[in-house]
Amino acid sequence: MNWRIAVIPVTLIPIIIIAIQFDIKFQDVLAIGIVPFVLAVLAFMVKLGLQGIKLAYIARSFLGPFDSIIRLSAMRVGSEFIKFTTPMFVGAEFAVIYYMTKKGISTSKASWVALLDIVTEVFAAGVLSILAGIIALLNGAYVVAAIVLATSVTVTSLWVVLFFLSSKHTFQLPKALVMLISKLGKERGEKYIKQTNVYIEEVCTMSRENLHSPKSRKVFVVGFLTSLVSWIFYGISFLIIANSVGFAVEFFESVMAVMGANAIANLPITVGGSGLAEFGIVAYLNNLDPFNLVIPEEGLEWNAVIGWRIATYYIPIAVTWILLVKLALSKFTKPNAK
């Protein structure tokens, strides 16, 4: 986990380049004002909090009251640290699975809960990002639209299709991957292959047993709607920052801008989407022209972009790290298995 902390300074490089290129000084960022900045941080923390509550709702719906809502919610918020320090924002589900197995939940059941949590999150983000891409397309921003739509459709389709197919088909590791692991790992590799295939089979069995039940449909809908609201708060965070520096952005436009930026940041190029998220906001709002990064005086201010990034990335990194260490990575006595 220490290597994840080490890569955080690397994520500052794009911001430093932007600051130098556009002559952004520290006092320019401070011009946002302490109150708008704090409100933006709070808006983003509400987003994370809703994600945590959703995970707690899903987990307790299928597994019973094995843990408190507060601890489950806080643990889910803490797991976001992994997404913040990983390309394409993946990895939080592994912390969720690890935490619940330490609580005595079987790996297959924990994985089912984590899978349902991430699918509702991805599906909600995908719907909003695809809408943002369509709006960009209608406005003639073909490059922005192509990137947003290609990323959103690919990621959303992959997760959602695999999720629903898991109830009809038992997946196994791809043959090419099996051959590679067997060749490199020898007997130990064969052992890991068998264990992994058994684990995947158990998750698929959980899908068949639960996915088409009225209870599962209800949980999925509630999870999806909660995720939609959480992503809207992400848009609110930018709305607050932008308006604080005099950039007139409407509520819907702000939500579409951050969802377009989120889709671009999902490209597996930089850690935590560093640089890509900033580029995405500018590309979407600066006359929807991805190649025009020379912002006119009346246009989007770079200090707003930097301030928004600090409020929704660097401050939450510290909070999520503390929660991750205190909860998901803490040691405690394992109860009887369920």
Protein backbone atom coordinates (compact mmCIF):
# COMPACT_ATOMS: atom_id res chain seq x y z
CA MET A 1 0.00 0.00 0.00
CA ASN A 2 2.95 2.33 0.59
CA TRP A 3 3.60 2.57 -3.16
CA ARG A 4 0.17 4.13 -3.58
CA ILE A 5 1.16 6.94 -1.23
CA ALA A 6 4.40 7.36 -3.16
CA VAL A 7 2.58 7.95 -6.46
CA ILE A 8 0.45 10.80 -5.08
CA PRO A 9 3.19 13.43 -5.71
CA VAL A 10 3.28 12.23 -9.33
CA THR A 11 -0.35 13.28 -9.73
CA LEU A 12 0.71 16.86 -8.98
CA ILE A 13 2.79 17.08 -12.15
CA PRO A 14 -0.14 17.97 -14.48
CA ILE A 15 -1.32 20.67 -12.07
CA ILE A 16 2.21 22.11 -11.85
CA ILE A 17 2.45 22.14 -15.66
CA ILE A 18 -0.94 23.88 -15.92
CA ALA A 19 0.07 26.44 -13.30
CA ILE A 20 3.30 27.24 -15.14
CA GLN A 21 1.72 27.27 -18.61
CA PHE A 22 -1.11 29.63 -17.65
CA ASP A 23 0.77 31.58 -14.97
CA ILE A 24 -1.53 30.44 -12.17
CA LYS A 25 -0.25 31.56 -8.79
CA PHE A 26 -1.18 30.24 -5.37
CA GLN A 27 -3.11 33.41 -4.60
CA ASP A 28 -5.17 32.84 -7.75
CA VAL A 29 -6.37 29.53 -6.33
CA LEU A 30 -7.03 31.20 -2.97
CA ALA A 31 -9.27 33.68 -4.81
CA ILE A 32 -11.89 30.95 -4.90
CA GLY A 33 -12.56 31.73 -1.25
CA ILE A 34 -12.54 29.49 1.79
CA VAL A 35 -16.33 29.14 2.02
CA PRO A 36 -16.91 27.98 -1.60
CA PHE A 37 -13.90 25.67 -1.33
CA VAL A 38 -15.19 24.07 1.88
CA LEU A 39 -18.68 23.74 0.38
CA ALA A 40 -17.20 22.02 -2.68
CA VAL A 41 -15.30 19.61 -0.43
CA LEU A 42 -18.48 18.91 1.53
CA ALA A 43 -20.44 18.31 -1.69
CA PHE A 44 -17.88 15.74 -2.79
CA MET A 45 -17.83 14.11 0.64
CA VAL A 46 -21.64 13.81 0.39
CA LYS A 47 -21.03 11.94 -2.87
CA LEU A 48 -18.65 9.54 -1.12
CA GLY A 49 -21.00 9.25 1.84
CA LEU A 50 -23.89 8.22 -0.42
CA GLN A 51 -21.64 5.56 -1.96
CA GLY A 52 -20.91 4.27 1.51
CA ILE A 53 -24.57 4.20 2.53
CA LYS A 54 -25.42 2.37 -0.68
CA LEU A 55 -22.82 -0.32 0.02
CA ALA A 56 -24.13 -0.72 3.57
CA TYR A 57 -27.69 -1.04 2.22
CA ILE A 58 -26.69 -3.68 -0.34
CA ALA A 59 -24.56 -5.65 2.11
CA ARG A 60 -27.12 -5.72 4.90
CA SER A 61 -29.94 -6.52 2.44
CA PHE A 62 -28.23 -9.76 1.39
CA LEU A 63 -26.06 -10.63 4.39
CA GLY A 64 -28.04 -9.34 7.34
CA PRO A 65 -26.82 -7.02 10.12
CA PHE A 66 -23.31 -8.52 10.32
CA ASP A 67 -21.82 -5.04 10.75
CA SER A 68 -23.05 -1.53 11.54
CA ILE A 69 -24.21 0.84 8.81
CA ILE A 70 -21.70 3.44 9.98
CA ARG A 71 -18.70 1.11 9.78
CA LEU A 72 -19.72 -0.34 6.43
CA SER A 73 -20.31 3.14 5.02
CA ALA A 74 -17.02 4.49 6.36
CA MET A 75 -15.14 1.46 5.06
CA ARG A 76 -16.62 1.96 1.57
CA VAL A 77 -15.58 5.61 1.64
CA GLY A 78 -12.08 4.55 2.68
CA SER A 79 -11.86 2.08 -0.19
CA GLU A 80 -12.04 5.03 -2.60
CA PHE A 81 -8.38 5.70 -1.77
CA ILE A 82 -7.48 2.73 -3.95
CA LYS A 83 -9.48 4.17 -6.85
CA PHE A 84 -7.81 7.55 -6.38
CA THR A 85 -4.36 5.99 -6.77
CA THR A 86 -5.09 3.53 -9.59
CA PRO A 87 -5.51 4.09 -13.34
CA MET A 88 -9.16 3.86 -14.46
CA PHE A 89 -10.43 4.25 -10.88
CA VAL A 90 -10.64 0.52 -10.16
CA GLY A 91 -9.72 -1.47 -7.09
CA ALA A 92 -12.12 -0.29 -4.38
CA GLU A 93 -14.09 -3.53 -4.67
CA PHE A 94 -11.06 -5.52 -3.49
CA ALA A 95 -10.92 -3.55 -0.25
CA VAL A 96 -14.65 -4.16 0.24
CA ILE A 97 -14.24 -7.91 -0.30
CA TYR A 98 -11.20 -8.04 1.99
CA TYR A 99 -13.02 -6.20 4.77
CA MET A 100 -16.14 -8.37 4.63
CA THR A 101 -14.17 -11.63 4.54
CA LYS A 102 -12.37 -10.47 7.70
CA LYS A 103 -15.83 -10.08 9.19
CA GLY A 104 -16.55 -13.74 8.48
CA ILE A 105 -18.47 -13.37 5.21
CA SER A 106 -17.58 -15.95 2.56
CA THR A 107 -15.55 -14.65 -0.39
CA SER A 108 -18.31 -15.46 -2.88
CA LYS A 109 -20.98 -13.56 -0.91
CA ALA A 110 -18.64 -10.63 -0.31
CA SER A 111 -17.80 -10.55 -4.02
CA TRP A 112 -21.47 -10.60 -4.97
CA VAL A 113 -22.14 -7.55 -2.79
CA ALA A 114 -19.06 -5.74 -4.13
CA LEU A 115 -20.08 -6.60 -7.69
CA LEU A 116 -23.61 -5.25 -7.24
CA ASP A 117 -22.19 -2.11 -5.64
CA ILE A 118 -19.73 -1.40 -8.47
CA VAL A 119 -22.24 -2.23 -11.23
CA THR A 120 -24.82 0.24 -9.91
CA GLU A 121 -22.04 2.84 -9.61
CA VAL A 122 -20.73 2.24 -13.13
CA PHE A 123 -24.23 2.06 -14.62
CA ALA A 124 -25.27 5.39 -13.10
CA ALA A 125 -22.03 7.07 -14.16
CA GLY A 126 -22.37 5.52 -17.60
CA VAL A 127 -25.89 6.87 -18.13
CA LEU A 128 -24.83 10.40 -17.20
CA SER A 129 -21.55 10.26 -19.14
CA ILE A 130 -23.25 8.92 -22.26
CA LEU A 131 -25.77 11.77 -22.01
CA ALA A 132 -22.85 14.20 -21.71
CA GLY A 133 -21.24 12.63 -24.77
CA ILE A 134 -24.45 12.94 -26.78
CA ILE A 135 -24.75 16.61 -25.86
CA ALA A 136 -21.13 17.19 -26.92
CA LEU A 137 -21.86 15.42 -30.20
CA LEU A 138 -24.94 17.56 -30.87
CA ASN A 139 -22.83 20.66 -30.25
CA GLY A 140 -20.24 19.60 -32.82
CA ALA A 141 -17.49 18.65 -30.36
CA TYR A 142 -16.75 15.43 -32.19
CA VAL A 143 -13.40 14.61 -30.57
CA VAL A 144 -14.70 15.16 -27.03
CA ALA A 145 -17.87 13.23 -27.83
CA ALA A 146 -15.89 10.35 -29.35
CA ILE A 147 -13.66 10.01 -26.27
CA VAL A 148 -16.50 10.34 -23.76
CA LEU A 149 -18.83 7.96 -25.61
CA ALA A 150 -16.15 5.38 -26.41
CA THR A 151 -14.98 5.23 -22.79
CA SER A 152 -18.44 5.35 -21.23
CA VAL A 153 -20.08 2.82 -23.53
CA THR A 154 -17.15 0.39 -23.27
CA VAL A 155 -16.82 0.46 -19.48
CA THR A 156 -20.57 0.49 -18.82
CA SER A 157 -21.33 -2.29 -21.29
CA LEU A 158 -18.51 -4.49 -19.99
CA TRP A 159 -19.61 -4.33 -16.36
CA VAL A 160 -23.36 -4.48 -16.93
CA VAL A 161 -23.28 -7.25 -19.54
CA LEU A 162 -20.92 -9.42 -17.50
CA PHE A 163 -23.04 -8.83 -14.40
CA PHE A 164 -26.29 -9.97 -15.99
CA LEU A 165 -24.64 -12.79 -17.95
CA SER A 166 -23.21 -14.17 -14.72
CA SER A 167 -26.73 -15.36 -13.83
CA LYS A 168 -26.98 -17.38 -17.04
CA HIS A 169 -23.44 -18.52 -17.68
CA THR A 170 -20.66 -19.81 -15.42
CA PHE A 171 -17.49 -17.98 -16.36
CA GLN A 172 -14.00 -19.42 -16.04
CA LEU A 173 -10.56 -17.96 -16.59
CA PRO A 174 -9.75 -17.48 -20.30
CA LYS A 175 -7.76 -20.37 -21.79
CA ALA A 176 -4.92 -18.10 -22.88
CA LEU A 177 -4.55 -16.80 -19.33
CA VAL A 178 -4.73 -20.35 -17.92
CA MET A 179 -1.94 -21.49 -20.23
CA LEU A 180 0.22 -18.51 -19.26
CA ILE A 181 -0.30 -19.01 -15.52
CA SER A 182 0.31 -22.76 -15.81
CA LYS A 183 3.53 -22.18 -17.73
CA LEU A 184 4.88 -19.56 -15.37
CA GLY A 185 3.52 -20.84 -12.07
CA LYS A 186 3.86 -24.61 -12.57
CA GLU A 187 2.08 -26.52 -9.77
CA ARG A 188 1.39 -23.39 -7.76
CA GLY A 189 -0.10 -21.78 -10.84
CA GLU A 190 -2.40 -24.77 -11.35
CA LYS A 191 -3.53 -24.46 -7.75
CA TYR A 192 -4.36 -20.76 -8.16
CA ILE A 193 -6.24 -21.47 -11.39
CA LYS A 194 -8.45 -24.08 -9.68
CA GLN A 195 -9.09 -21.81 -6.70
CA THR A 196 -9.95 -18.85 -8.93
CA ASN A 197 -12.31 -20.87 -11.14
CA VAL A 198 -14.09 -22.24 -8.07
CA TYR A 199 -14.41 -18.70 -6.72
CA ILE A 200 -15.82 -17.40 -10.02
CA GLU A 201 -18.25 -20.31 -10.18
CA GLU A 202 -19.51 -19.50 -6.67
CA VAL A 203 -20.09 -15.85 -7.64
CA CYS A 204 -22.03 -16.94 -10.74
CA THR A 205 -24.09 -19.27 -8.56
CA MET A 206 -24.87 -16.31 -6.27
CA SER A 207 -26.03 -14.38 -9.34
CA ARG A 208 -28.36 -17.19 -10.44
CA GLU A 209 -29.81 -17.48 -6.95
CA ASN A 210 -30.35 -13.76 -6.37
CA LEU A 211 -30.29 -11.65 -9.51
CA HIS A 212 -33.85 -12.20 -10.77
CA SER A 213 -35.59 -12.11 -7.41
CA PRO A 214 -37.89 -9.16 -6.56
CA LYS A 215 -35.57 -8.33 -3.66
CA SER A 216 -32.53 -8.06 -5.94
CA ARG A 217 -34.40 -5.90 -8.43
CA LYS A 218 -35.40 -3.54 -5.63
CA VAL A 219 -31.85 -3.37 -4.26
CA PHE A 220 -30.48 -2.74 -7.75
CA VAL A 221 -32.94 0.10 -8.44
CA VAL A 222 -32.30 1.74 -5.07
CA GLY A 223 -28.55 1.38 -5.57
CA PHE A 224 -28.73 2.83 -9.06
CA LEU A 225 -30.81 5.85 -7.96
CA THR A 226 -28.49 6.46 -5.00
CA SER A 227 -25.52 6.39 -7.36
CA LEU A 228 -27.23 8.89 -9.68
CA VAL A 229 -27.71 11.30 -6.78
CA SER A 230 -24.10 10.81 -5.65
CA TRP A 231 -22.77 11.68 -9.12
CA ILE A 232 -25.00 14.76 -9.19
CA PHE A 233 -23.26 15.97 -6.03
CA TYR A 234 -20.00 15.58 -7.95
CA GLY A 235 -21.40 18.10 -10.43
CA ILE A 236 -22.49 20.38 -7.61
CA SER A 237 -18.91 20.48 -6.32
CA PHE A 238 -17.75 22.06 -9.58
CA LEU A 239 -20.79 24.33 -9.77
CA ILE A 240 -19.80 25.87 -6.44
CA ILE A 241 -16.16 26.41 -7.42
CA ALA A 242 -16.92 27.78 -10.90
CA ASN A 243 -19.50 30.28 -9.69
CA SER A 244 -17.18 31.47 -6.93
CA VAL A 245 -14.76 32.84 -9.57
CA GLY A 246 -17.48 34.33 -11.73
CA PHE A 247 -17.79 31.59 -14.35
CA ALA A 248 -21.49 31.32 -15.13
CA VAL A 249 -22.22 27.62 -15.36
CA GLU A 250 -25.68 26.15 -14.95
CA PHE A 251 -26.51 23.18 -12.73
CA PHE A 252 -27.15 20.71 -15.57
CA GLU A 253 -24.14 21.94 -17.54
CA SER A 254 -21.93 21.47 -14.49
CA VAL A 255 -23.11 17.88 -13.99
CA MET A 256 -22.57 17.08 -17.67
CA ALA A 257 -19.11 18.68 -17.60
CA VAL A 258 -17.86 16.66 -14.63
CA MET A 259 -19.33 13.44 -16.03
CA GLY A 260 -17.65 14.09 -19.36
CA ALA A 261 -14.42 14.79 -17.49
CA ASN A 262 -14.92 11.64 -15.42
CA ALA A 263 -15.25 9.55 -18.59
CA ILE A 264 -12.06 11.04 -20.02
CA ALA A 265 -10.27 10.49 -16.69
CA ASN A 266 -11.18 6.80 -16.90
CA LEU A 267 -8.69 6.36 -19.72
CA PRO A 268 -5.90 4.14 -18.27
CA ILE A 269 -3.18 6.73 -18.85
CA THR A 270 -2.51 8.48 -15.56
CA VAL A 271 -2.91 7.65 -11.87
CA GLY A 272 -6.28 8.76 -10.58
CA GLY A 273 -7.02 10.47 -13.90
CA SER A 274 -4.56 13.23 -13.00
CA GLY A 275 -4.43 15.78 -15.80
CA LEU A 276 -7.20 14.04 -17.72
CA ALA A 277 -9.97 15.28 -15.43
CA GLU A 278 -8.71 18.86 -15.72
CA PHE A 279 -8.42 18.53 -19.50
CA GLY A 280 -11.91 17.04 -19.63
CA ILE A 281 -13.53 19.97 -17.82
CA VAL A 282 -11.83 22.50 -20.10
CA ALA A 283 -12.50 20.48 -23.25
CA TYR A 284 -16.18 20.21 -22.39
CA LEU A 285 -16.84 23.79 -21.28
CA ASN A 286 -14.42 25.82 -23.39
CA ASN A 287 -16.78 26.08 -26.34
CA LEU A 288 -16.65 22.28 -26.48
CA ASP A 289 -13.36 22.60 -28.40
CA PRO A 290 -10.77 20.09 -27.12
CA PHE A 291 -7.90 21.72 -28.98
CA ASN A 292 -8.48 25.26 -27.74
CA LEU A 293 -6.82 25.43 -24.35
CA VAL A 294 -6.20 29.18 -24.53
CA ILE A 295 -8.94 30.38 -22.24
CA PRO A 296 -10.34 33.87 -22.98
CA GLU A 297 -10.77 36.29 -20.09
CA GLU A 298 -14.50 35.69 -19.99
CA GLY A 299 -14.06 31.92 -20.22
CA LEU A 300 -13.43 29.17 -17.73
CA GLU A 301 -10.66 30.09 -15.31
CA TRP A 302 -7.88 27.57 -14.74
CA ASN A 303 -7.78 28.49 -11.05
CA ALA A 304 -11.34 27.14 -10.79
CA VAL A 305 -10.26 23.87 -12.40
CA ILE A 306 -7.27 23.53 -10.07
CA GLY A 307 -9.34 24.47 -7.03
CA TRP A 308 -12.02 21.95 -7.98
CA ARG A 309 -9.40 19.23 -8.43
CA ILE A 310 -7.89 19.94 -5.01
CA ALA A 311 -11.33 19.90 -3.39
CA THR A 312 -12.46 16.65 -5.04
CA TYR A 313 -9.22 14.71 -5.20
CA TYR A 314 -6.41 15.76 -2.87
CA ILE A 315 -8.51 16.54 0.20
CA PRO A 316 -10.56 13.30 -0.17
CA ILE A 317 -7.34 11.30 -0.61
CA ALA A 318 -6.33 12.19 2.95
CA VAL A 319 -9.79 11.39 4.35
CA THR A 320 -10.15 8.09 2.51
CA TRP A 321 -6.62 6.99 3.48
CA ILE A 322 -7.40 7.48 7.18
CA LEU A 323 -10.66 5.52 6.90
CA LEU A 324 -8.99 2.76 4.88
CA VAL A 325 -6.26 2.26 7.46
CA LYS A 326 -8.61 2.49 10.43
CA LEU A 327 -11.23 0.11 9.03
CA ALA A 328 -10.40 -2.05 6.00
CA LEU A 329 -6.76 -2.58 6.93
CA SER A 330 -7.15 -2.71 10.71
CA LYS A 331 -6.73 -5.91 12.65
CA PHE A 332 -9.59 -7.42 14.62
CA THR A 333 -10.83 -10.78 15.74
CA LYS A 334 -12.71 -12.65 13.03
CA PRO A 335 -16.19 -13.77 14.13
CA ASN A 336 -17.79 -17.07 13.27
CA ALA A 337 -18.18 -17.53 9.52
CA LYS A 338 -21.61 -17.06 8.00
